[in-house]
Amino acid sequence: MLLQDLASGARSIEAAQAAFAAMEVMYPICRSITGDGVRRTLDIIGETLPLQRLEVPSGTPVFDWEVPREWNIRDAYIAGPDGARVVDFKAHNLHVVNYSVPVRARMSRDELEPHLHSLPDRPDSIPYRTTYWREQWGFCLRHSDRVNLGPGPYDVVIDSSLAPGSLSYAECVVPGSDAGEALVYTHTCHPSLANDNLTGIVVAAQLARLLREERPRLTWRFIFGPGTIGSLTWLARNEHRLAGVRGGLTLGLLGDTSPLTYKCSRLGQTVTDRVATFVLERSGRPHRVVDFEPYGYDERQFCSPGFDLPVGRLSRAQHGDYPQYHTSDDDLSIVSADRLGESMSIAAAWIATFDANRSLVNLCAKGEPRLGKRGLYGAVGGQAPGDSERAMLWVLSYSDGDHDLVDIAQRSNLPFASIVAAAQALEQAGLVRDAGASLIHQGDMP
C-alpha cells in the first residue's frame, strides 16, 4: 500500500520533496482567517488534490462566536519625510498587524509609536501579530529599525478592507469501506510563516493524495481551515456526523529540529492516543508524548467538553517552543525536506495503523479452535509455532470485544502487520468477527 510505503520511509523522499516545493510556492502569500490569501492557498492545494470548497458568510453564528467580516490587504507602508518606505508590507507581509483596518494619515513618531510592535530580544526579527476581534491597526518591524526612527512626520497607509464576505475552508474526503470517520485538520490562517503552518498544510495534502490511491477501511476527512474559528465553524456545520468520528489528528509545526511530539486528547488513553504512542514507540525516533492542555491549536476545539472527540496533535515543536516562532525567522531556511519526510512517515504510520485497528469477537471462544483443519496451522507438530501461528493465537485470546489489534500487538510484542494479517485470516475462516460498534467513539477507550 502506498501509505504503508510512506510509513516505512520507502516513498518519504519523493513525498517530502513535493511538499517542500509546494511550501516554496505558498510561502509569499499573505493569509489570514478569511480572505483571498486563504483562497489562493486552497487553489494551490487543489491543483493536486480534489477539494470541496466551502464559503461561510460573515455573521454566521458559530456557538459563542460568529464568522467575522472578511479581511483583504493590497498594500501598506510607513514612509519617512523623504518619501522612502521605512516599513513596507510588500517587502514582508508580517510588517502589518494581521486584520488591520484601513488607515491613511500623516503623524509624528510619538503618534505612531503606540501602533508599532517589535522584539527587543530579537532585534533583527519581525514579529507576527494579529487583531482579529478588535478593530485596530498596527505595524510590526525589526527593533533595530524601530530605534532608528526619527521624529517624522510619517505617511502611514494601510490599504486594506474589512467588509462582509465569508470564511473559506476546504475538505478532501477519502471514502472508506466501513462505517466511521477519522479527521485530519490543519490550520491555513498564518501568513509567511513556514513551520507554522505551511508544514502542516503540505503534509496533510500529501497524505490525502496518497490515501486516495488506496481503499481505506474508514472514511478519512482532511480539513484545511483557519485556526480556532475554522474548526469551530466546521464543528457547528457537522454536528450530525460527530457520533461516527472515531478519532483524528491536528497537524502543524512539522519541519523544525525538535523531536516528534504527540499531544494527547483531553481524556488521554483514547484510541487515538494509544495508536500515536504505539507508532512513536516503535518508530525508533526521538519523540515526546505530552498531556493535553487547553491551549495550542485546533485539537482544543475538537476536545472541548461538549464534543470530547478523541483528537490529538502531531507536531515537532509546540507553540512558542522554538526561537523563530511567530517571527520572520520562521522561513523556509528552518525547514528541511528530510524532517518533513520523517514527520510525514509518522503521520502516515498513524493513519495506516488507526485505519487497520479494530476490536474482534472470538466466535469459537470455548477452548482453542482447531486451526490445522482450517489450514491455518503447520502440518508437522512438536515444534514451536511460527510468528503467523503465534499471532493467530494472540488474536484469538484477546478477541473479546474489549481489546483491539494495537493492544494485542503491544501485549504480544509482534509486528502490527502480523497481527492484522492474523486477524484477516481468522475472519476469513469464520473464527472471529468485527466487534463493530465497540470502536465507535465513546470517549475513553480500552
Protein backbone atom coordinates (compact mmCIF):
# COMPACT_ATOMS: atom_id res chain seq x y z
CA MET A 1 0.00 0.00 0.00
CA LEU A 2 1.24 3.48 -0.85
CA LEU A 3 0.59 4.88 2.62
CA GLN A 4 2.42 1.95 4.24
CA ASP A 5 5.34 2.58 1.85
CA LEU A 6 5.41 6.16 3.09
CA ALA A 7 5.20 5.00 6.71
CA SER A 8 8.19 2.71 6.16
CA GLY A 9 10.16 5.53 4.54
CA ALA A 10 10.14 4.00 1.07
CA ARG A 11 8.37 6.99 -0.50
CA SER A 12 9.13 9.67 2.06
CA ILE A 13 11.84 11.39 0.00
CA GLU A 14 9.61 11.81 -3.05
CA ALA A 15 6.64 13.00 -0.97
CA ALA A 16 8.77 15.33 1.15
CA GLN A 17 10.33 16.96 -1.91
CA ALA A 18 6.88 17.57 -3.38
CA ALA A 19 5.73 19.01 -0.06
CA PHE A 20 8.68 21.37 0.19
CA ALA A 21 8.18 22.54 -3.39
CA ALA A 22 4.57 23.41 -2.53
CA MET A 23 5.78 25.36 0.51
CA GLU A 24 8.03 27.46 -1.70
CA VAL A 25 5.01 28.44 -3.82
CA MET A 26 2.74 29.22 -0.85
CA TYR A 27 5.25 30.96 1.42
CA PRO A 28 4.89 34.51 -0.04
CA ILE A 29 1.08 34.55 0.27
CA CYS A 30 -0.47 36.76 2.95
CA ARG A 31 -3.03 34.53 4.64
CA SER A 32 -5.43 35.29 7.48
CA ILE A 33 -8.54 33.72 8.99
CA THR A 34 -10.51 34.95 5.95
CA GLY A 35 -9.76 36.46 2.59
CA ASP A 36 -8.18 35.93 -0.77
CA GLY A 37 -4.87 34.68 0.63
CA VAL A 38 -6.63 31.63 2.03
CA ARG A 39 -8.45 31.09 -1.25
CA ARG A 40 -5.21 31.30 -3.22
CA THR A 41 -3.67 28.74 -0.86
CA LEU A 42 -6.63 26.40 -1.37
CA ASP A 43 -6.27 26.92 -5.15
CA ILE A 44 -2.69 25.64 -4.96
CA ILE A 45 -3.67 22.61 -2.85
CA GLY A 46 -6.49 21.95 -5.31
CA GLU A 47 -4.07 21.67 -8.21
CA THR A 48 -3.08 18.18 -7.00
CA LEU A 49 -5.96 17.28 -4.68
CA PRO A 50 -9.73 17.40 -5.27
CA LEU A 51 -11.24 19.73 -2.71
CA GLN A 52 -14.76 20.57 -1.71
CA ARG A 53 -14.61 24.31 -1.09
CA LEU A 54 -16.99 25.98 1.33
CA GLU A 55 -17.71 29.65 1.98
CA VAL A 56 -19.47 30.54 5.24
CA PRO A 57 -20.92 34.08 5.26
CA SER A 58 -19.76 36.74 7.70
CA GLY A 59 -22.09 36.99 10.69
CA THR A 60 -22.93 33.27 10.72
CA PRO A 61 -23.33 32.18 14.38
CA VAL A 62 -20.73 29.63 15.47
CA PHE A 63 -21.54 28.59 19.05
CA ASP A 64 -20.30 31.52 21.22
CA TRP A 65 -18.59 33.10 18.20
CA GLU A 66 -19.57 34.31 14.76
CA VAL A 67 -17.82 34.33 11.41
CA PRO A 68 -16.03 37.69 11.18
CA ARG A 69 -16.00 40.14 8.36
CA GLU A 70 -13.59 39.28 5.58
CA TRP A 71 -10.17 40.96 5.52
CA ASN A 72 -8.05 41.63 2.47
CA ILE A 73 -4.98 43.80 2.02
CA ARG A 74 -3.34 45.27 -1.05
CA ASP A 75 -0.53 47.44 0.30
CA ALA A 76 0.75 49.08 3.48
CA TYR A 77 3.73 51.19 4.42
CA ILE A 78 5.24 53.83 6.63
CA ALA A 79 7.11 56.47 4.64
CA GLY A 80 9.54 58.95 6.15
CA PRO A 81 9.85 62.69 5.43
CA ASP A 82 11.86 61.93 2.28
CA GLY A 83 9.14 59.62 0.95
CA ALA A 84 11.21 56.44 1.37
CA ARG A 85 9.37 53.50 2.89
CA VAL A 86 10.85 52.59 6.26
CA VAL A 87 8.29 49.78 6.75
CA ASP A 88 6.90 48.05 3.67
CA PHE A 89 4.25 45.33 3.51
CA LYS A 90 5.48 44.39 0.04
CA ALA A 91 8.89 43.55 1.47
CA HIS A 92 7.40 41.18 4.06
CA ASN A 93 3.75 40.62 4.86
CA LEU A 94 4.41 40.31 8.61
CA HIS A 95 5.07 44.06 8.63
CA VAL A 96 1.32 44.69 9.06
CA VAL A 97 -0.69 43.54 12.06
CA ASN A 98 -2.95 40.93 10.52
CA TYR A 99 -6.56 42.21 10.18
CA SER A 100 -5.57 45.88 10.50
CA VAL A 101 -8.33 48.29 9.49
CA PRO A 102 -7.65 50.80 6.69
CA VAL A 103 -5.51 53.83 7.56
CA ARG A 104 -4.29 56.85 5.62
CA ALA A 105 -2.74 59.54 7.81
CA ARG A 106 0.31 61.71 8.49
CA MET A 107 1.61 61.57 12.02
CA SER A 108 4.60 62.20 14.21
CA ARG A 109 6.80 59.49 15.66
CA ASP A 110 5.11 59.93 19.03
CA GLU A 111 1.67 59.47 17.46
CA LEU A 112 2.88 56.43 15.52
CA GLU A 113 4.64 54.76 18.45
CA PRO A 114 1.56 53.06 20.09
CA HIS A 115 0.92 51.27 16.79
CA LEU A 116 4.40 49.74 16.47
CA HIS A 117 5.42 46.22 17.53
CA SER A 118 8.96 44.87 17.75
CA LEU A 119 11.07 42.39 19.72
CA PRO A 120 13.90 43.90 21.77
CA ASP A 121 15.28 40.41 22.47
CA ARG A 122 15.31 39.56 18.72
CA PRO A 123 16.18 42.95 17.21
CA ASP A 124 16.55 41.68 13.64
CA SER A 125 13.24 39.76 13.52
CA ILE A 126 9.78 40.98 12.51
CA PRO A 127 7.09 39.73 14.93
CA TYR A 128 3.75 38.28 13.80
CA ARG A 129 0.78 39.99 15.44
CA THR A 130 -2.98 39.89 14.84
CA THR A 131 -6.08 41.88 15.76
CA TYR A 132 -8.88 39.62 14.58
CA TRP A 133 -11.59 40.57 17.04
CA ARG A 134 -10.86 44.27 17.62
CA GLU A 135 -10.84 46.99 15.00
CA GLN A 136 -7.29 48.24 15.37
CA TRP A 137 -4.25 48.70 13.20
CA GLY A 138 -0.54 48.41 13.57
CA PHE A 139 2.85 47.70 12.05
CA CYS A 140 5.49 45.16 13.01
CA LEU A 141 9.15 45.90 12.38
CA ARG A 142 12.65 44.95 13.38
CA HIS A 143 13.58 46.52 16.70
CA SER A 144 16.89 47.61 15.17
CA ASP A 145 14.88 49.70 12.68
CA ARG A 146 12.43 50.98 15.27
CA VAL A 147 15.08 52.53 17.50
CA ASN A 148 16.46 54.43 14.49
CA LEU A 149 13.16 56.09 13.55
CA GLY A 150 13.34 59.87 13.66
CA PRO A 151 10.67 62.33 14.82
CA GLY A 152 8.82 62.27 11.48
CA PRO A 153 6.39 63.22 10.16
CA TYR A 154 5.43 59.87 8.61
CA ASP A 155 2.91 59.00 5.95
CA VAL A 156 1.05 55.93 7.21
CA VAL A 157 -1.01 53.85 4.77
CA ILE A 158 -2.82 50.55 5.18
CA ASP A 159 -4.76 49.80 2.01
CA SER A 160 -6.99 47.04 3.37
CA SER A 161 -10.67 46.20 3.52
CA LEU A 162 -12.77 44.74 6.32
CA ALA A 163 -16.22 44.07 4.93
CA PRO A 164 -18.97 41.44 4.78
CA GLY A 165 -17.66 38.37 2.99
CA SER A 166 -17.05 34.81 4.06
CA LEU A 167 -14.75 32.33 5.76
CA SER A 168 -13.19 29.79 3.41
CA TYR A 169 -12.29 26.20 4.19
CA ALA A 170 -11.96 23.03 2.19
CA GLU A 171 -12.23 19.27 2.62
CA CYS A 172 -10.82 16.28 0.84
CA VAL A 173 -12.84 13.19 1.70
CA VAL A 174 -11.42 9.72 1.02
CA PRO A 175 -14.32 7.23 1.28
CA GLY A 176 -13.88 4.05 3.31
CA SER A 177 -15.43 0.61 3.09
CA ASP A 178 -16.86 0.55 6.64
CA ALA A 179 -18.86 2.95 8.75
CA GLY A 180 -16.99 5.53 10.77
CA GLU A 181 -14.77 8.50 10.04
CA ALA A 182 -11.41 9.89 11.06
CA LEU A 183 -10.33 13.52 10.82
CA VAL A 184 -7.12 15.32 9.91
CA TYR A 185 -7.23 19.09 10.48
CA THR A 186 -4.58 21.67 9.63
CA HIS A 187 -4.77 25.44 10.01
CA THR A 188 -4.44 27.67 6.96
CA CYS A 189 -4.55 31.13 8.54
CA HIS A 190 -0.88 32.03 9.03
CA PRO A 191 0.85 34.33 6.50
CA SER A 192 4.55 33.95 5.58
CA LEU A 193 5.44 31.51 8.35
CA ALA A 194 6.99 28.28 7.09
CA ASN A 195 6.99 25.87 10.02
CA ASP A 196 3.77 27.33 11.44
CA ASN A 197 1.94 26.25 9.44
CA LEU A 198 2.86 25.59 5.85
CA THR A 199 4.38 22.31 7.02
CA GLY A 200 1.03 21.12 8.37
CA ILE A 201 -0.75 22.13 5.16
CA VAL A 202 1.64 20.34 2.80
CA VAL A 203 1.94 17.19 4.94
CA ALA A 204 -1.87 16.88 5.13
CA ALA A 205 -2.13 17.39 1.37
CA GLN A 206 0.46 14.70 0.61
CA LEU A 207 -1.18 12.23 2.98
CA ALA A 208 -4.58 12.82 1.41
CA ARG A 209 -3.15 12.47 -2.09
CA LEU A 210 -1.58 9.08 -1.32
CA LEU A 211 -4.55 7.79 0.64
CA ARG A 212 -6.83 8.48 -2.32
CA GLU A 213 -4.93 5.83 -4.26
CA GLU A 214 -5.97 3.20 -1.72
CA ARG A 215 -9.24 1.96 -0.29
CA PRO A 216 -9.16 2.65 3.44
CA ARG A 217 -11.46 0.96 5.92
CA LEU A 218 -12.59 4.24 7.48
CA THR A 219 -13.65 7.39 5.68
CA TRP A 220 -10.88 9.97 6.08
CA ARG A 221 -11.78 13.65 6.09
CA PHE A 222 -8.88 16.08 5.56
CA ILE A 223 -9.89 19.63 6.52
CA PHE A 224 -7.95 22.75 5.55
CA GLY A 225 -9.27 25.72 7.53
CA PRO A 226 -8.27 28.69 9.66
CA GLY A 227 -7.29 28.19 13.27
CA THR A 228 -9.94 28.31 16.01
CA ILE A 229 -12.78 29.96 14.09
CA GLY A 230 -12.29 27.48 11.25
CA SER A 231 -12.50 24.34 13.38
CA LEU A 232 -15.41 25.84 15.35
CA THR A 233 -17.20 26.59 12.09
CA TRP A 234 -16.60 23.06 10.82
CA LEU A 235 -17.89 21.59 14.09
CA ALA A 236 -21.00 23.78 14.02
CA ARG A 237 -21.79 22.67 10.47
CA ASN A 238 -21.06 18.98 11.09
CA GLU A 239 -22.54 18.11 14.48
CA HIS A 240 -24.71 15.49 12.77
CA ARG A 241 -21.66 13.41 11.80
CA LEU A 242 -19.67 13.62 15.04
CA ALA A 243 -21.09 10.41 16.54
CA GLY A 244 -19.28 8.48 13.83
CA VAL A 245 -15.89 10.17 14.36
CA ARG A 246 -13.54 7.56 15.80
CA GLY A 247 -10.51 9.80 16.14
CA GLY A 248 -8.32 12.34 14.49
CA LEU A 249 -5.18 14.45 14.39
CA THR A 250 -4.37 18.09 14.03
CA LEU A 251 -1.11 18.71 12.15
CA GLY A 252 1.33 21.60 12.43
CA LEU A 253 4.93 22.64 13.08
CA LEU A 254 6.36 19.57 11.37
CA GLY A 255 9.59 20.80 9.82
CA ASP A 256 11.81 22.15 12.63
CA THR A 257 14.59 20.38 14.51
CA SER A 258 12.58 19.44 17.61
CA PRO A 259 11.74 15.79 18.28
CA LEU A 260 8.41 14.49 17.07
CA THR A 261 5.76 15.42 19.64
CA TYR A 262 2.31 13.96 20.18
CA LYS A 263 -0.15 15.88 22.34
CA CYS A 264 -2.85 13.66 23.82
CA SER A 265 -6.57 14.29 23.61
CA ARG A 266 -8.36 15.75 26.62
CA LEU A 267 -9.28 12.41 28.16
CA GLY A 268 -5.97 10.71 27.40
CA GLN A 269 -5.73 6.99 26.65
CA THR A 270 -8.27 7.24 23.83
CA VAL A 271 -7.69 5.02 20.82
CA THR A 272 -6.09 7.99 19.05
CA ASP A 273 -3.64 8.46 21.92
CA ARG A 274 -2.80 4.77 22.15
CA VAL A 275 -2.20 4.42 18.42
CA ALA A 276 0.01 7.53 18.35
CA THR A 277 2.06 6.35 21.33
CA PHE A 278 2.37 2.86 19.82
CA VAL A 279 3.56 4.24 16.47
CA LEU A 280 6.09 6.61 18.01
CA GLU A 281 7.48 3.98 20.38
CA ARG A 282 8.01 1.52 17.53
CA SER A 283 9.46 4.14 15.19
CA GLY A 284 12.84 4.22 16.93
CA ARG A 285 12.90 8.02 16.50
CA PRO A 286 13.31 10.58 19.29
CA HIS A 287 9.87 11.68 20.41
CA ARG A 288 7.75 13.16 23.16
CA VAL A 289 4.23 12.32 24.30
CA VAL A 290 2.73 15.22 26.26
CA ASP A 291 -0.51 15.58 28.17
CA PHE A 292 -3.42 17.66 26.95
CA GLU A 293 -3.59 21.32 27.87
CA PRO A 294 -6.39 23.71 26.82
CA TYR A 295 -4.02 25.87 24.79
CA GLY A 296 -2.48 25.20 21.42
CA TYR A 297 -4.12 24.52 18.09
CA ASP A 298 -7.45 23.17 16.92
CA GLU A 299 -7.28 19.97 18.97
CA ARG A 300 -8.64 22.05 21.86
CA GLN A 301 -11.84 22.76 19.91
CA PHE A 302 -12.39 19.10 18.96
CA CYS A 303 -11.64 18.11 22.57
CA SER A 304 -13.87 20.76 24.21
CA PRO A 305 -16.24 19.13 26.74
CA GLY A 306 -19.31 19.50 24.54
CA PHE A 307 -17.67 17.33 21.85
CA ASP A 308 -14.87 15.48 23.65
CA LEU A 309 -13.66 13.88 20.45
CA PRO A 310 -10.53 11.68 20.58
CA VAL A 311 -8.37 14.13 18.61
CA GLY A 312 -4.69 14.69 19.36
CA ARG A 313 -1.96 16.74 17.74
CA LEU A 314 1.20 15.72 15.90
CA SER A 315 3.97 18.30 15.69
CA ARG A 316 7.66 18.70 16.35
CA ALA A 317 7.98 21.87 18.38
CA GLN A 318 4.95 23.07 20.26
CA HIS A 319 3.59 26.64 20.07
CA GLY A 320 6.26 29.04 21.29
CA ASP A 321 8.72 26.17 21.64
CA TYR A 322 11.32 27.31 19.10
CA PRO A 323 13.07 30.69 18.87
CA GLN A 324 11.77 31.58 15.40
CA TYR A 325 8.11 31.05 16.41
CA HIS A 326 5.78 33.81 15.14
CA THR A 327 8.57 35.87 13.65
CA SER A 328 10.00 36.50 10.20
CA ASP A 329 12.74 33.98 11.08
CA ASP A 330 10.16 31.20 10.64
CA ASP A 331 11.09 30.99 6.99
CA LEU A 332 11.97 28.18 4.60
CA SER A 333 15.54 28.02 5.92
CA ILE A 334 14.45 26.41 9.21
CA VAL A 335 12.50 23.64 7.46
CA SER A 336 14.13 20.68 5.73
CA ALA A 337 12.68 18.11 3.36
CA ASP A 338 14.27 15.38 5.48
CA ARG A 339 12.39 16.45 8.61
CA LEU A 340 9.20 16.91 6.62
CA GLY A 341 9.62 13.36 5.31
CA GLU A 342 10.17 11.95 8.78
CA SER A 343 7.08 13.76 10.12
CA MET A 344 5.09 12.55 7.12
CA SER A 345 6.19 8.96 7.72
CA ILE A 346 4.98 9.07 11.33
CA ALA A 347 1.66 10.64 10.34
CA ALA A 348 1.25 8.01 7.61
CA ALA A 349 2.01 5.24 10.10
CA TRP A 350 -0.61 6.66 12.45
CA ILE A 351 -3.20 6.76 9.66
CA ALA A 352 -2.39 3.23 8.45
CA THR A 353 -2.42 1.81 11.99
CA PHE A 354 -5.54 3.67 13.06
CA ASP A 355 -7.36 2.59 9.91
CA ALA A 356 -6.46 -1.10 10.36
CA ASN A 357 -7.08 -1.12 14.11
CA ARG A 358 -10.31 -2.72 15.33
CA SER A 359 -11.74 -4.97 18.00
CA LEU A 360 -12.83 -8.53 17.22
CA VAL A 361 -15.03 -11.14 18.85
CA ASN A 362 -13.93 -14.79 19.02
CA LEU A 363 -16.72 -16.99 17.63
CA CYS A 364 -15.12 -20.18 18.93
CA ALA A 365 -14.16 -18.94 22.37
CA LYS A 366 -14.68 -22.14 24.41
CA GLY A 367 -11.22 -23.56 24.22
CA GLU A 368 -8.73 -23.13 21.44
CA PRO A 369 -10.18 -23.74 17.98
CA ARG A 370 -8.56 -26.36 15.80
CA LEU A 371 -6.59 -24.26 13.34
CA GLY A 372 -4.96 -27.15 11.47
CA LYS A 373 -8.16 -28.41 9.92
CA ARG A 374 -8.71 -24.93 8.53
CA GLY A 375 -5.24 -24.79 7.01
CA LEU A 376 -4.11 -22.14 9.50
CA TYR A 377 -1.52 -24.18 11.40
CA GLY A 378 1.58 -26.11 10.39
CA ALA A 379 1.09 -29.76 9.39
CA VAL A 380 4.02 -31.01 11.48
CA GLY A 381 3.64 -30.80 15.26
CA GLY A 382 6.17 -30.90 18.08
CA GLN A 383 7.85 -27.62 17.23
CA ALA A 384 7.34 -24.05 18.36
CA PRO A 385 4.75 -22.13 16.36
CA GLY A 386 5.97 -19.56 13.85
CA ASP A 387 5.11 -15.89 14.04
CA SER A 388 1.96 -16.25 11.97
CA GLU A 389 0.62 -19.05 14.19
CA ARG A 390 1.59 -17.15 17.34
CA ALA A 391 -0.15 -14.04 16.01
CA MET A 392 -3.35 -16.03 15.42
CA LEU A 393 -3.25 -17.44 18.94
CA TRP A 394 -2.79 -13.98 20.40
CA VAL A 395 -5.67 -12.61 18.33
CA LEU A 396 -7.95 -15.46 19.41
CA SER A 397 -7.03 -14.98 23.05
CA TYR A 398 -7.87 -11.29 23.09
CA SER A 399 -10.75 -11.13 20.63
CA ASP A 400 -13.26 -10.39 23.35
CA GLY A 401 -14.57 -7.06 22.08
CA ASP A 402 -12.61 -5.21 24.74
CA HIS A 403 -9.10 -5.36 23.23
CA ASP A 404 -8.15 -4.02 19.83
CA LEU A 405 -5.35 -5.02 17.48
CA VAL A 406 -2.96 -2.36 18.76
CA ASP A 407 -3.43 -3.68 22.28
CA ILE A 408 -2.76 -7.23 21.06
CA ALA A 409 0.39 -6.14 19.20
CA GLN A 410 1.67 -4.42 22.34
CA ARG A 411 0.95 -7.43 24.55
CA SER A 412 2.44 -9.94 22.12
CA ASN A 413 5.39 -7.78 21.03
CA LEU A 414 4.71 -8.96 17.50
CA PRO A 415 4.69 -6.67 14.46
CA PHE A 416 1.37 -4.91 13.98
CA ALA A 417 1.27 -6.12 10.37
CA SER A 418 1.43 -9.74 11.62
CA ILE A 419 -1.48 -9.15 13.98
CA VAL A 420 -3.53 -7.55 11.19
CA ALA A 421 -2.77 -10.47 8.84
CA ALA A 422 -3.72 -12.99 11.53
CA ALA A 423 -7.00 -11.18 12.19
CA GLN A 424 -7.83 -11.23 8.47
CA ALA A 425 -7.05 -14.96 8.19
CA LEU A 426 -9.17 -15.81 11.23
CA GLU A 427 -12.02 -13.65 9.96
CA GLN A 428 -11.94 -15.38 6.57
CA ALA A 429 -12.05 -18.74 8.37
CA GLY A 430 -15.15 -17.67 10.29
CA LEU A 431 -13.44 -17.79 13.68
CA VAL A 432 -13.73 -14.10 14.55
CA ARG A 433 -15.92 -11.19 13.56
CA ASP A 434 -15.58 -7.44 13.82
CA ALA A 435 -16.91 -6.11 17.11
CA GLY A 436 -18.20 -3.13 15.11
CA ALA A 437 -19.83 -0.62 17.39
CA SER A 438 -17.27 -1.10 20.14
CA LEU A 439 -14.87 1.17 18.28
CA ILE A 440 -17.37 3.96 17.64
CA HIS A 441 -16.25 6.96 19.69
CA GLN A 442 -17.24 6.64 23.33
CA GLY A 443 -14.64 8.93 24.83
CA ASP A 444 -12.24 6.81 26.88
CA MET A 445 -11.20 3.67 25.01
CA PRO A 446 -9.72 0.44 26.42
